[in-house]
Amino acid sequence: MAKFMQVIDSKAADLVENGEAKAAFARLLPQAFAMATSENEEFLTMSVREMGYLAMFGTSPEKVSELDALLKEIGG
């Protein structure tokens, strides 16, 4: 499996390429995931950190931390 950098700096495109990471992203940050995988491909170039600055992505520090922990398990 690919190693992930700290999740808040991982690009959405990198997260959706890995099945386990994609599922965790979709479950924990559903609004950000839906927007990142929508027709606007620009969102795939954004990191979770960048999404966190914009309310439209619906992220929270708690969910980002939870996703970070899961990705560390997935990526080793």
Protein backbone atom coordinates (compact mmCIF):
# COMPACT_ATOMS: atom_id res chain seq x y z
CA MET A 1 0.00 0.00 0.00
CA ALA A 2 1.08 3.54 -0.65
CA LYS A 3 2.29 5.59 2.28
CA PHE A 4 0.36 8.75 2.94
CA MET A 5 1.86 11.93 4.22
CA GLN A 6 0.03 13.59 7.06
CA VAL A 7 -3.58 13.48 5.86
CA ILE A 8 -4.18 17.19 6.06
CA ASP A 9 -1.46 17.65 3.42
CA SER A 10 -2.54 14.75 1.19
CA LYS A 11 -4.24 15.75 -2.04
CA ALA A 12 -7.78 14.48 -2.50
CA ALA A 13 -6.67 12.82 -5.76
CA ASP A 14 -4.19 10.68 -3.82
CA LEU A 15 -6.81 9.65 -1.29
CA VAL A 16 -9.38 8.55 -3.87
CA GLU A 17 -6.83 6.36 -5.71
CA ASN A 18 -6.60 3.96 -2.76
CA GLY A 19 -9.73 1.94 -1.97
CA GLU A 20 -9.33 1.99 1.82
CA ALA A 21 -8.35 5.66 1.92
CA LYS A 22 -11.24 6.54 -0.39
CA ALA A 23 -13.74 4.73 1.84
CA ALA A 24 -12.40 6.45 4.97
CA PHE A 25 -12.46 9.86 3.25
CA ALA A 26 -16.06 9.29 2.10
CA ARG A 27 -17.21 8.09 5.53
CA LEU A 28 -15.51 10.74 7.68
CA LEU A 29 -15.70 13.79 5.42
CA PRO A 30 -18.69 13.04 3.16
CA GLN A 31 -19.28 16.60 1.99
CA ALA A 32 -15.61 17.17 1.12
CA PHE A 33 -15.49 13.76 -0.59
CA ALA A 34 -18.61 14.48 -2.65
CA MET A 35 -17.21 17.80 -3.77
CA ALA A 36 -13.74 16.39 -4.50
CA THR A 37 -15.21 13.66 -6.70
CA SER A 38 -17.70 15.92 -8.45
CA GLU A 39 -17.40 17.38 -11.93
CA ASN A 40 -15.02 20.10 -10.72
CA GLU A 41 -11.66 18.34 -10.99
CA GLU A 42 -9.92 21.32 -9.37
CA PHE A 43 -11.08 20.05 -5.98
CA LEU A 44 -8.98 16.89 -6.46
CA THR A 45 -5.85 19.05 -6.42
CA MET A 46 -6.72 20.43 -2.98
CA SER A 47 -5.44 19.00 0.27
CA VAL A 48 -7.66 18.25 3.22
CA ARG A 49 -5.91 21.18 4.95
CA GLU A 50 -6.97 23.51 2.13
CA MET A 51 -10.53 22.18 2.24
CA GLY A 52 -10.57 22.91 5.96
CA TYR A 53 -10.27 26.62 5.30
CA LEU A 54 -13.51 26.68 3.32
CA ALA A 55 -16.82 26.06 5.09
CA MET A 56 -18.39 24.66 1.92
CA PHE A 57 -16.38 21.43 2.39
CA GLY A 58 -17.93 20.70 5.80
CA THR A 59 -14.72 19.54 7.51
CA SER A 60 -14.02 19.62 11.24
CA PRO A 61 -10.73 19.32 13.14
CA GLU A 62 -12.02 16.18 14.87
CA LYS A 63 -12.93 14.39 11.65
CA VAL A 64 -9.64 15.41 10.00
CA SER A 65 -7.74 14.00 12.99
CA GLU A 66 -9.75 10.78 12.81
CA LEU A 67 -9.04 10.47 9.09
CA ASP A 68 -5.35 11.17 9.73
CA ALA A 69 -5.19 8.30 12.25
CA LEU A 70 -6.94 5.89 9.86
CA LEU A 71 -4.65 6.79 6.97
CA LYS A 72 -1.60 6.20 9.13
CA GLU A 73 -2.92 2.68 9.75
CA ILE A 74 -3.68 2.14 6.07
CA GLY A 75 -0.43 3.57 4.77
CA GLY A 76 1.80 2.06 7.39
